[in-house]
């Protein structure tokens, strides 16, 4: 199929049939605007990319349920909006730390210096996490690196959700203090 000769409805129909070229078509067409939209709210490039990837996973998983009468663009942006809200809830502390760090970091004229400073900051986060108890370390890793909600963490570690929330709260407090003391923020 030549792209210019095919309507969105035909592409959706092809996607519903499991054709990978249709998926690639929608990915190529919508990835960049979706990423820009996600980055506006999430502020962290890796989280924005994760959100977009989740949306495309949902598109593929639920492709058979798509209705050719509705806009695929509207579907993708609605999914992304919901994904972003979920990620903000799940990663609010990480986003707040990132924004606070950005505000307190002097502006760099060199992109390399920025990258090095961010890498150093991330290393201090990892060092702080390594000083947590084994259980808190597990909880923080699942929250920060896998993006799991407290309820999902509770299920995975066989803990009560309130226990997970307490671990997260105390771990975040410890990390904030640890990083401030070590980076002189």
N, C-alpha and C. Protein backbone atom coordinates (compact mmCIF):
# COMPACT_ATOMS: atom_id res chain seq x y z
N UNK A 1 0.84 -1.19 0.00
CA UNK A 1 0.00 0.00 0.00
C UNK A 1 0.87 1.25 0.00
N UNK A 2 0.60 2.16 -0.90
CA UNK A 2 1.31 3.43 -0.87
C UNK A 2 0.61 4.33 0.13
N UNK A 3 1.42 4.95 0.97
CA UNK A 3 0.88 5.73 2.09
C UNK A 3 -0.06 6.85 1.65
N UNK A 4 0.31 7.56 0.59
CA UNK A 4 -0.52 8.70 0.17
C UNK A 4 -1.87 8.26 -0.41
N UNK A 5 -1.99 7.00 -0.83
CA UNK A 5 -3.22 6.51 -1.42
C UNK A 5 -4.17 5.89 -0.39
N UNK A 6 -3.74 5.78 0.85
CA UNK A 6 -4.51 5.06 1.85
C UNK A 6 -5.05 6.03 2.90
N UNK A 7 -6.31 5.90 3.23
CA UNK A 7 -6.92 6.76 4.25
C UNK A 7 -6.64 6.18 5.64
N UNK A 8 -6.84 7.01 6.66
CA UNK A 8 -6.65 6.54 8.03
C UNK A 8 -7.56 5.35 8.34
N UNK A 9 -8.78 5.36 7.80
CA UNK A 9 -9.71 4.25 8.05
C UNK A 9 -9.14 2.95 7.50
N UNK A 10 -8.50 3.02 6.35
CA UNK A 10 -7.91 1.82 5.77
C UNK A 10 -6.70 1.36 6.59
N UNK A 11 -5.94 2.33 7.09
CA UNK A 11 -4.81 1.98 7.95
C UNK A 11 -5.29 1.32 9.23
N UNK A 12 -6.36 1.85 9.82
CA UNK A 12 -6.92 1.26 11.04
C UNK A 12 -7.40 -0.16 10.75
N UNK A 13 -8.04 -0.34 9.63
CA UNK A 13 -8.51 -1.68 9.25
C UNK A 13 -7.32 -2.63 9.10
N UNK A 14 -6.25 -2.15 8.50
CA UNK A 14 -5.04 -2.97 8.35
C UNK A 14 -4.43 -3.29 9.72
N UNK A 15 -4.45 -2.31 10.60
CA UNK A 15 -3.93 -2.53 11.96
C UNK A 15 -4.77 -3.57 12.69
N UNK A 16 -6.07 -3.48 12.54
CA UNK A 16 -6.97 -4.45 13.19
C UNK A 16 -6.66 -5.87 12.73
N UNK A 17 -6.20 -6.00 11.51
CA UNK A 17 -5.86 -7.32 10.95
C UNK A 17 -4.46 -7.77 11.40
N UNK A 18 -3.77 -6.92 12.16
CA UNK A 18 -2.46 -7.29 12.68
C UNK A 18 -1.30 -6.98 11.77
N UNK A 19 -1.52 -6.11 10.80
CA UNK A 19 -0.44 -5.77 9.87
C UNK A 19 0.54 -4.81 10.52
N UNK A 20 1.79 -5.22 10.55
CA UNK A 20 2.82 -4.41 11.19
C UNK A 20 3.10 -3.12 10.44
N UNK A 21 2.92 -3.12 9.13
CA UNK A 21 3.17 -1.88 8.38
C UNK A 21 2.19 -0.79 8.81
N UNK A 22 0.98 -1.17 9.20
CA UNK A 22 0.00 -0.19 9.68
C UNK A 22 0.45 0.37 11.03
N UNK A 23 0.96 -0.50 11.88
CA UNK A 23 1.46 -0.05 13.18
C UNK A 23 2.63 0.92 12.97
N UNK A 24 3.54 0.55 12.10
CA UNK A 24 4.70 1.40 11.82
C UNK A 24 4.23 2.75 11.26
N UNK A 25 3.21 2.73 10.42
CA UNK A 25 2.66 3.96 9.86
C UNK A 25 2.19 4.89 10.98
N UNK A 26 1.39 4.36 11.91
CA UNK A 26 0.87 5.20 12.99
C UNK A 26 1.98 5.63 13.94
N UNK A 27 2.94 4.76 14.17
CA UNK A 27 4.07 5.11 15.03
C UNK A 27 4.85 6.27 14.42
N UNK A 28 5.18 6.16 13.15
CA UNK A 28 5.95 7.20 12.47
C UNK A 28 5.18 8.52 12.43
N UNK A 29 3.89 8.42 12.25
CA UNK A 29 3.06 9.62 12.11
C UNK A 29 2.82 10.33 13.45
N UNK A 30 2.72 9.57 14.53
CA UNK A 30 2.27 10.17 15.80
C UNK A 30 3.28 10.17 16.93
N UNK A 31 4.40 9.48 16.79
CA UNK A 31 5.35 9.38 17.90
C UNK A 31 5.84 10.76 18.36
N UNK A 32 6.33 11.58 17.45
CA UNK A 32 6.92 12.87 17.82
C UNK A 32 5.92 13.80 18.50
N UNK A 33 4.71 14.00 17.95
CA UNK A 33 3.77 14.88 18.67
C UNK A 33 3.33 14.31 20.02
N UNK A 34 3.21 12.99 20.11
CA UNK A 34 2.83 12.38 21.39
C UNK A 34 3.95 12.60 22.42
N UNK A 35 5.19 12.41 21.99
CA UNK A 35 6.33 12.60 22.89
C UNK A 35 6.38 14.06 23.38
N UNK A 36 6.20 15.00 22.48
CA UNK A 36 6.23 16.42 22.86
C UNK A 36 5.13 16.73 23.87
N UNK A 37 3.96 16.16 23.65
CA UNK A 37 2.83 16.35 24.57
C UNK A 37 3.17 15.78 25.94
N UNK A 38 3.71 14.57 25.98
CA UNK A 38 4.04 13.92 27.25
C UNK A 38 5.14 14.67 27.98
N UNK A 39 6.15 15.12 27.26
CA UNK A 39 7.27 15.83 27.87
C UNK A 39 6.83 17.14 28.52
N UNK A 40 5.83 17.78 27.96
CA UNK A 40 5.31 19.02 28.51
C UNK A 40 4.85 18.82 29.95
N UNK A 41 4.18 17.70 30.22
CA UNK A 41 3.66 17.46 31.57
C UNK A 41 4.63 16.69 32.46
N UNK A 42 5.35 15.73 31.89
CA UNK A 42 6.20 14.87 32.71
C UNK A 42 7.57 15.46 33.01
N UNK A 43 8.07 16.31 32.14
CA UNK A 43 9.34 17.03 32.31
C UNK A 43 10.59 16.16 32.21
N UNK A 44 10.47 14.87 32.33
CA UNK A 44 11.63 13.98 32.29
C UNK A 44 11.56 13.18 31.00
N UNK A 45 12.55 13.34 30.12
CA UNK A 45 12.49 12.67 28.81
C UNK A 45 12.25 11.16 28.88
N UNK A 46 12.89 10.49 29.81
CA UNK A 46 12.72 9.03 29.87
C UNK A 46 11.29 8.66 30.26
N UNK A 47 10.67 9.44 31.14
CA UNK A 47 9.27 9.18 31.50
C UNK A 47 8.34 9.47 30.32
N UNK A 48 8.62 10.54 29.60
CA UNK A 48 7.80 10.88 28.44
C UNK A 48 7.89 9.78 27.39
N UNK A 49 9.09 9.28 27.16
CA UNK A 49 9.26 8.20 26.19
C UNK A 49 8.54 6.93 26.67
N UNK A 50 8.64 6.64 27.96
CA UNK A 50 7.94 5.47 28.51
C UNK A 50 6.43 5.60 28.31
N UNK A 51 5.91 6.79 28.54
CA UNK A 51 4.47 7.02 28.38
C UNK A 51 4.03 6.77 26.95
N UNK A 52 4.80 7.28 26.01
CA UNK A 52 4.48 7.10 24.59
C UNK A 52 4.56 5.62 24.21
N UNK A 53 5.59 4.94 24.70
CA UNK A 53 5.72 3.52 24.39
C UNK A 53 4.53 2.73 24.93
N UNK A 54 4.09 3.07 26.13
CA UNK A 54 2.92 2.40 26.70
C UNK A 54 1.67 2.61 25.84
N UNK A 55 1.53 3.80 25.30
CA UNK A 55 0.39 4.09 24.43
C UNK A 55 0.45 3.23 23.18
N UNK A 56 1.62 3.09 22.60
CA UNK A 56 1.72 2.27 21.39
C UNK A 56 1.55 0.78 21.71
N UNK A 57 1.96 0.38 22.89
CA UNK A 57 1.70 -1.01 23.30
C UNK A 57 0.20 -1.23 23.41
N UNK A 58 -0.50 -0.27 24.02
CA UNK A 58 -1.96 -0.38 24.14
C UNK A 58 -2.62 -0.40 22.76
N UNK A 59 -2.10 0.41 21.86
CA UNK A 59 -2.65 0.43 20.50
C UNK A 59 -2.54 -0.96 19.88
N UNK A 60 -1.39 -1.58 20.01
CA UNK A 60 -1.21 -2.91 19.41
C UNK A 60 -2.08 -3.95 20.12
N UNK A 61 -2.08 -3.93 21.44
CA UNK A 61 -2.82 -4.93 22.21
C UNK A 61 -4.33 -4.83 21.94
N UNK A 62 -4.82 -3.62 21.83
CA UNK A 62 -6.27 -3.40 21.67
C UNK A 62 -6.67 -3.09 20.23
N UNK A 63 -5.81 -3.40 19.28
CA UNK A 63 -6.06 -3.03 17.88
C UNK A 63 -7.37 -3.60 17.34
N UNK A 64 -7.74 -4.79 17.76
CA UNK A 64 -8.95 -5.43 17.22
C UNK A 64 -10.23 -4.72 17.67
N UNK A 65 -10.13 -3.94 18.76
CA UNK A 65 -11.29 -3.22 19.29
C UNK A 65 -11.46 -1.84 18.67
N UNK A 66 -10.51 -1.41 17.85
CA UNK A 66 -10.58 -0.06 17.26
C UNK A 66 -11.79 0.07 16.35
N UNK A 67 -12.34 1.25 16.34
CA UNK A 67 -13.48 1.55 15.48
C UNK A 67 -13.00 2.50 14.38
N UNK A 68 -13.19 2.11 13.15
CA UNK A 68 -12.71 2.92 12.03
C UNK A 68 -13.46 4.25 11.91
N UNK A 69 -14.56 4.40 12.63
CA UNK A 69 -15.32 5.65 12.58
C UNK A 69 -14.69 6.76 13.43
N UNK A 70 -13.80 6.36 14.34
CA UNK A 70 -13.20 7.34 15.24
C UNK A 70 -11.75 7.63 14.84
N UNK A 71 -11.30 8.79 15.17
CA UNK A 71 -9.95 9.25 14.84
C UNK A 71 -8.91 8.48 15.65
N UNK A 72 -7.94 7.93 14.97
CA UNK A 72 -6.84 7.24 15.65
C UNK A 72 -6.01 8.25 16.44
N UNK A 73 -5.89 9.45 15.92
CA UNK A 73 -5.14 10.50 16.61
C UNK A 73 -5.81 10.82 17.95
N UNK A 74 -7.12 10.94 17.95
CA UNK A 74 -7.85 11.21 19.19
C UNK A 74 -7.68 10.06 20.18
N UNK A 75 -7.74 8.83 19.65
CA UNK A 75 -7.54 7.66 20.50
C UNK A 75 -6.16 7.70 21.16
N UNK A 76 -5.12 7.96 20.37
CA UNK A 76 -3.76 7.97 20.89
C UNK A 76 -3.55 9.07 21.93
N UNK A 77 -4.07 10.27 21.65
CA UNK A 77 -3.88 11.37 22.59
C UNK A 77 -4.69 11.16 23.87
N UNK A 78 -5.86 10.56 23.76
CA UNK A 78 -6.65 10.25 24.96
C UNK A 78 -5.92 9.22 25.81
N UNK A 79 -5.41 8.18 25.18
CA UNK A 79 -4.62 7.16 25.90
C UNK A 79 -3.41 7.80 26.56
N UNK A 80 -2.74 8.69 25.82
CA UNK A 80 -1.54 9.33 26.36
C UNK A 80 -1.89 10.23 27.55
N UNK A 81 -2.97 10.97 27.43
CA UNK A 81 -3.38 11.84 28.54
C UNK A 81 -3.59 11.00 29.80
N UNK A 82 -4.27 9.88 29.68
CA UNK A 82 -4.50 9.01 30.83
C UNK A 82 -3.19 8.41 31.35
N UNK A 83 -2.32 8.01 30.43
CA UNK A 83 -1.03 7.45 30.83
C UNK A 83 -0.19 8.49 31.56
N UNK A 84 -0.17 9.71 31.07
CA UNK A 84 0.58 10.79 31.71
C UNK A 84 0.06 11.05 33.11
N UNK A 85 -1.25 11.09 33.26
CA UNK A 85 -1.83 11.31 34.60
C UNK A 85 -1.43 10.18 35.55
N UNK A 86 -1.48 8.95 35.06
CA UNK A 86 -1.07 7.81 35.89
C UNK A 86 0.40 7.91 36.26
N UNK A 87 1.22 8.32 35.31
CA UNK A 87 2.65 8.42 35.58
C UNK A 87 2.96 9.59 36.53
N UNK A 88 2.23 10.66 36.42
CA UNK A 88 2.43 11.78 37.34
C UNK A 88 2.11 11.30 38.76
N UNK A 89 1.02 10.57 38.91
CA UNK A 89 0.68 10.04 40.23
C UNK A 89 1.78 9.10 40.72
N UNK A 90 2.25 8.22 39.86
CA UNK A 90 3.24 7.22 40.26
C UNK A 90 4.63 7.81 40.47
N UNK A 91 4.96 8.86 39.75
CA UNK A 91 6.33 9.40 39.77
C UNK A 91 6.39 10.84 40.27
N UNK A 92 5.38 11.28 41.00
CA UNK A 92 5.35 12.69 41.37
C UNK A 92 6.60 13.11 42.14
N UNK A 93 7.08 12.26 43.03
CA UNK A 93 8.27 12.63 43.79
C UNK A 93 9.49 12.74 42.89
N UNK A 94 9.61 11.83 41.94
CA UNK A 94 10.74 11.87 41.01
C UNK A 94 10.67 13.14 40.15
N UNK A 95 9.49 13.49 39.69
CA UNK A 95 9.32 14.69 38.87
C UNK A 95 9.64 15.94 39.68
N UNK A 96 9.16 15.98 40.92
CA UNK A 96 9.43 17.13 41.78
C UNK A 96 10.93 17.26 42.04
N UNK A 97 11.59 16.13 42.32
CA UNK A 97 13.04 16.18 42.54
C UNK A 97 13.76 16.67 41.28
N UNK A 98 13.31 16.19 40.14
CA UNK A 98 13.93 16.60 38.87
C UNK A 98 13.77 18.11 38.67
N UNK A 99 12.58 18.62 38.90
CA UNK A 99 12.35 20.06 38.73
C UNK A 99 13.14 20.88 39.74
N UNK A 100 13.18 20.40 40.98
CA UNK A 100 13.94 21.12 42.01
C UNK A 100 15.42 21.14 41.65
N UNK A 101 15.91 20.02 41.17
CA UNK A 101 17.31 19.94 40.76
C UNK A 101 17.59 20.89 39.61
N UNK A 102 16.68 20.93 38.64
CA UNK A 102 16.87 21.82 37.49
C UNK A 102 16.90 23.28 37.92
N UNK A 103 16.04 23.64 38.89
CA UNK A 103 15.97 25.02 39.33
C UNK A 103 17.21 25.42 40.12
N UNK A 104 17.80 24.47 40.84
CA UNK A 104 18.94 24.78 41.67
C UNK A 104 20.27 24.62 40.95
N UNK A 105 20.25 24.01 39.81
CA UNK A 105 21.47 23.81 39.04
C UNK A 105 21.73 25.04 38.19
N UNK A 106 22.94 25.59 38.26
CA UNK A 106 23.23 26.75 37.41
C UNK A 106 23.09 26.36 35.94
N UNK A 107 22.65 27.32 35.15
CA UNK A 107 22.48 26.99 33.74
C UNK A 107 23.85 26.76 33.10
N UNK A 108 23.93 25.73 32.32
CA UNK A 108 25.17 25.36 31.66
C UNK A 108 25.13 25.83 30.22
N UNK A 109 26.26 26.28 29.77
CA UNK A 109 26.32 26.67 28.37
C UNK A 109 26.65 25.46 27.51
N UNK A 110 27.16 24.44 28.14
CA UNK A 110 27.61 23.27 27.40
C UNK A 110 26.72 22.08 27.72
N UNK A 111 26.18 21.45 26.71
CA UNK A 111 25.29 20.30 26.88
C UNK A 111 26.01 19.14 27.57
N UNK A 112 27.29 19.00 27.32
CA UNK A 112 28.07 17.93 27.95
C UNK A 112 28.11 18.13 29.46
N UNK A 113 28.29 19.36 29.90
CA UNK A 113 28.32 19.64 31.34
C UNK A 113 26.97 19.28 31.97
N UNK A 114 25.89 19.58 31.28
CA UNK A 114 24.56 19.23 31.78
C UNK A 114 24.44 17.72 31.95
N UNK A 115 24.88 17.01 30.94
CA UNK A 115 24.78 15.55 30.95
C UNK A 115 25.60 14.98 32.10
N UNK A 116 26.79 15.51 32.31
CA UNK A 116 27.66 15.03 33.39
C UNK A 116 27.01 15.34 34.75
N UNK A 117 26.47 16.54 34.90
CA UNK A 117 25.84 16.92 36.17
C UNK A 117 24.63 16.02 36.46
N UNK A 118 23.83 15.76 35.44
CA UNK A 118 22.65 14.91 35.63
C UNK A 118 23.08 13.48 35.97
N UNK A 119 24.12 13.00 35.33
CA UNK A 119 24.62 11.65 35.62
C UNK A 119 25.13 11.57 37.06
N UNK A 120 25.81 12.63 37.51
CA UNK A 120 26.30 12.66 38.89
C UNK A 120 25.13 12.65 39.88
N UNK A 121 24.12 13.43 39.59
CA UNK A 121 22.93 13.48 40.44
C UNK A 121 22.28 12.10 40.51
N UNK A 122 22.16 11.43 39.38
CA UNK A 122 21.57 10.10 39.35
C UNK A 122 22.41 9.11 40.15
N UNK A 123 23.72 9.25 40.09
CA UNK A 123 24.60 8.38 40.87
C UNK A 123 24.38 8.57 42.37
N UNK A 124 24.15 9.82 42.79
CA UNK A 124 23.88 10.07 44.21
C UNK A 124 22.54 9.46 44.61
N UNK A 125 21.58 9.49 43.72
CA UNK A 125 20.30 8.84 44.01
C UNK A 125 20.53 7.35 44.21
N UNK A 126 21.30 6.74 43.31
CA UNK A 126 21.58 5.30 43.41
C UNK A 126 22.36 4.99 44.69
N UNK A 127 23.32 5.86 45.04
CA UNK A 127 24.07 5.64 46.29
C UNK A 127 23.14 5.72 47.49
N UNK A 128 22.23 6.69 47.45
CA UNK A 128 21.26 6.82 48.55
C UNK A 128 20.38 5.59 48.66
N UNK A 129 19.91 5.11 47.52
CA UNK A 129 19.06 3.91 47.52
C UNK A 129 19.83 2.72 48.08
N UNK A 130 21.11 2.64 47.76
CA UNK A 130 21.91 1.50 48.25
C UNK A 130 22.04 1.51 49.77
N UNK A 131 21.83 2.63 50.41
CA UNK A 131 21.93 2.73 51.87
C UNK A 131 20.62 2.41 52.57
N UNK A 132 19.57 2.18 51.81
CA UNK A 132 18.28 1.83 52.41
C UNK A 132 18.29 0.37 52.84
N UNK A 133 17.36 0.02 53.72
CA UNK A 133 17.21 -1.39 54.09
C UNK A 133 16.81 -2.17 52.84
N UNK A 134 17.00 -3.48 52.88
CA UNK A 134 16.72 -4.30 51.71
C UNK A 134 15.27 -4.12 51.23
N UNK A 135 14.32 -4.11 52.13
CA UNK A 135 12.91 -3.99 51.75
C UNK A 135 12.64 -2.62 51.12
N UNK A 136 13.14 -1.56 51.75
CA UNK A 136 12.93 -0.21 51.20
C UNK A 136 13.62 -0.06 49.85
N UNK A 137 14.78 -0.68 49.73
CA UNK A 137 15.51 -0.64 48.47
C UNK A 137 14.66 -1.29 47.37
N UNK A 138 14.05 -2.44 47.68
CA UNK A 138 13.19 -3.12 46.70
C UNK A 138 12.02 -2.22 46.30
N UNK A 139 11.38 -1.63 47.31
CA UNK A 139 10.22 -0.79 47.06
C UNK A 139 10.60 0.40 46.19
N UNK A 140 11.71 1.08 46.50
CA UNK A 140 12.13 2.25 45.73
C UNK A 140 12.50 1.88 44.30
N UNK A 141 13.18 0.75 44.14
CA UNK A 141 13.57 0.34 42.79
C UNK A 141 12.34 0.05 41.94
N UNK A 142 11.36 -0.61 42.52
CA UNK A 142 10.13 -0.89 41.76
C UNK A 142 9.38 0.39 41.43
N UNK A 143 9.41 1.34 42.35
CA UNK A 143 8.71 2.61 42.13
C UNK A 143 9.44 3.48 41.11
N UNK A 144 10.73 3.71 41.32
CA UNK A 144 11.47 4.63 40.46
C UNK A 144 11.83 4.06 39.10
N UNK A 145 12.28 2.81 39.08
CA UNK A 145 12.81 2.27 37.84
C UNK A 145 11.81 1.48 37.03
N UNK A 146 10.82 0.90 37.68
CA UNK A 146 9.79 0.17 36.94
C UNK A 146 8.49 0.96 36.84
N UNK A 147 8.37 2.03 37.64
CA UNK A 147 7.20 2.88 37.58
C UNK A 147 5.94 2.24 38.14
N UNK A 148 6.10 1.31 39.06
CA UNK A 148 4.93 0.63 39.63
C UNK A 148 4.26 1.51 40.66
N UNK A 149 2.95 1.37 40.78
CA UNK A 149 2.19 2.09 41.80
C UNK A 149 2.37 1.36 43.13
N UNK A 150 2.05 2.03 44.25
CA UNK A 150 2.15 1.34 45.54
C UNK A 150 1.34 0.04 45.59
N UNK A 151 0.19 0.04 44.95
CA UNK A 151 -0.64 -1.16 44.94
C UNK A 151 0.03 -2.29 44.16
N UNK A 152 0.65 -1.94 43.04
CA UNK A 152 1.36 -2.95 42.24
C UNK A 152 2.57 -3.48 42.99
N UNK A 153 3.27 -2.58 43.67
CA UNK A 153 4.44 -3.00 44.47
C UNK A 153 3.98 -3.93 45.59
N UNK A 154 2.88 -3.55 46.25
CA UNK A 154 2.35 -4.38 47.33
C UNK A 154 2.04 -5.79 46.84
N UNK A 155 1.45 -5.90 45.68
CA UNK A 155 1.14 -7.20 45.10
C UNK A 155 2.39 -8.00 44.77
N UNK A 156 3.38 -7.31 44.22
CA UNK A 156 4.61 -8.00 43.81
C UNK A 156 5.44 -8.46 45.01
N UNK A 157 5.44 -7.66 46.09
CA UNK A 157 6.26 -7.99 47.25
C UNK A 157 5.46 -8.62 48.39
N UNK A 158 4.19 -8.83 48.15
CA UNK A 158 3.30 -9.43 49.15
C UNK A 158 3.29 -8.60 50.44
N UNK A 159 3.06 -7.30 50.28
CA UNK A 159 2.97 -6.36 51.39
C UNK A 159 1.63 -5.65 51.35
N UNK A 160 1.24 -5.03 52.44
CA UNK A 160 0.05 -4.20 52.46
C UNK A 160 0.36 -2.89 51.74
N UNK A 161 -0.60 -2.36 50.97
CA UNK A 161 -0.35 -1.09 50.27
C UNK A 161 0.08 0.05 51.21
N UNK A 162 -0.49 0.10 52.43
CA UNK A 162 -0.10 1.14 53.37
C UNK A 162 1.36 0.98 53.81
N UNK A 163 1.82 -0.25 53.92
CA UNK A 163 3.22 -0.51 54.26
C UNK A 163 4.12 0.00 53.15
N UNK A 164 3.74 -0.25 51.91
CA UNK A 164 4.52 0.23 50.77
C UNK A 164 4.56 1.76 50.78
N UNK A 165 3.43 2.39 51.02
CA UNK A 165 3.38 3.86 51.06
C UNK A 165 4.28 4.41 52.15
N UNK A 166 4.30 3.75 53.30
CA UNK A 166 5.17 4.18 54.39
C UNK A 166 6.64 4.03 53.99
N UNK A 167 6.98 2.90 53.37
CA UNK A 167 8.36 2.70 52.90
C UNK A 167 8.74 3.79 51.90
N UNK A 168 7.85 4.10 50.97
CA UNK A 168 8.13 5.13 49.96
C UNK A 168 8.33 6.50 50.61
N UNK A 169 7.46 6.82 51.53
CA UNK A 169 7.53 8.12 52.20
C UNK A 169 8.84 8.27 52.96
N UNK A 170 9.20 7.26 53.73
CA UNK A 170 10.43 7.32 54.52
C UNK A 170 11.67 7.27 53.63
N UNK A 171 11.60 6.50 52.58
CA UNK A 171 12.73 6.42 51.65
C UNK A 171 12.94 7.74 50.93
N UNK A 172 11.86 8.35 50.47
CA UNK A 172 11.96 9.65 49.80
C UNK A 172 12.55 10.71 50.73
N UNK A 173 12.11 10.68 51.99
CA UNK A 173 12.62 11.64 52.97
C UNK A 173 14.12 11.42 53.17
N UNK A 174 14.52 10.16 53.30
CA UNK A 174 15.94 9.84 53.46
C UNK A 174 16.73 10.29 52.24
N UNK A 175 16.24 9.97 51.03
CA UNK A 175 16.97 10.33 49.82
C UNK A 175 17.12 11.84 49.66
N UNK A 176 16.07 12.54 49.98
CA UNK A 176 16.12 14.00 49.88
C UNK A 176 17.22 14.56 50.78
N UNK A 177 17.25 14.10 52.02
CA UNK A 177 18.28 14.54 52.97
C UNK A 177 19.66 14.10 52.52
N UNK A 178 19.78 12.85 52.11
CA UNK A 178 21.06 12.28 51.67
C UNK A 178 21.63 13.09 50.51
N UNK A 179 20.80 13.38 49.53
CA UNK A 179 21.27 14.11 48.34
C UNK A 179 21.63 15.55 48.70
N UNK A 180 20.81 16.20 49.53
CA UNK A 180 21.12 17.57 49.93
C UNK A 180 22.46 17.65 50.66
N UNK A 181 22.69 16.70 51.56
CA UNK A 181 23.94 16.70 52.31
C UNK A 181 25.15 16.43 51.43
N UNK A 182 24.98 15.56 50.45
CA UNK A 182 26.11 15.16 49.62
C UNK A 182 26.36 16.06 48.42
N UNK A 183 25.32 16.65 47.90
CA UNK A 183 25.50 17.53 46.72
C UNK A 183 25.51 18.99 47.11
N UNK A 184 25.30 19.28 48.37
CA UNK A 184 25.30 20.65 48.84
C UNK A 184 24.28 21.49 48.09
N UNK A 185 23.05 20.95 47.94
CA UNK A 185 21.99 21.70 47.23
C UNK A 185 21.37 22.73 48.12
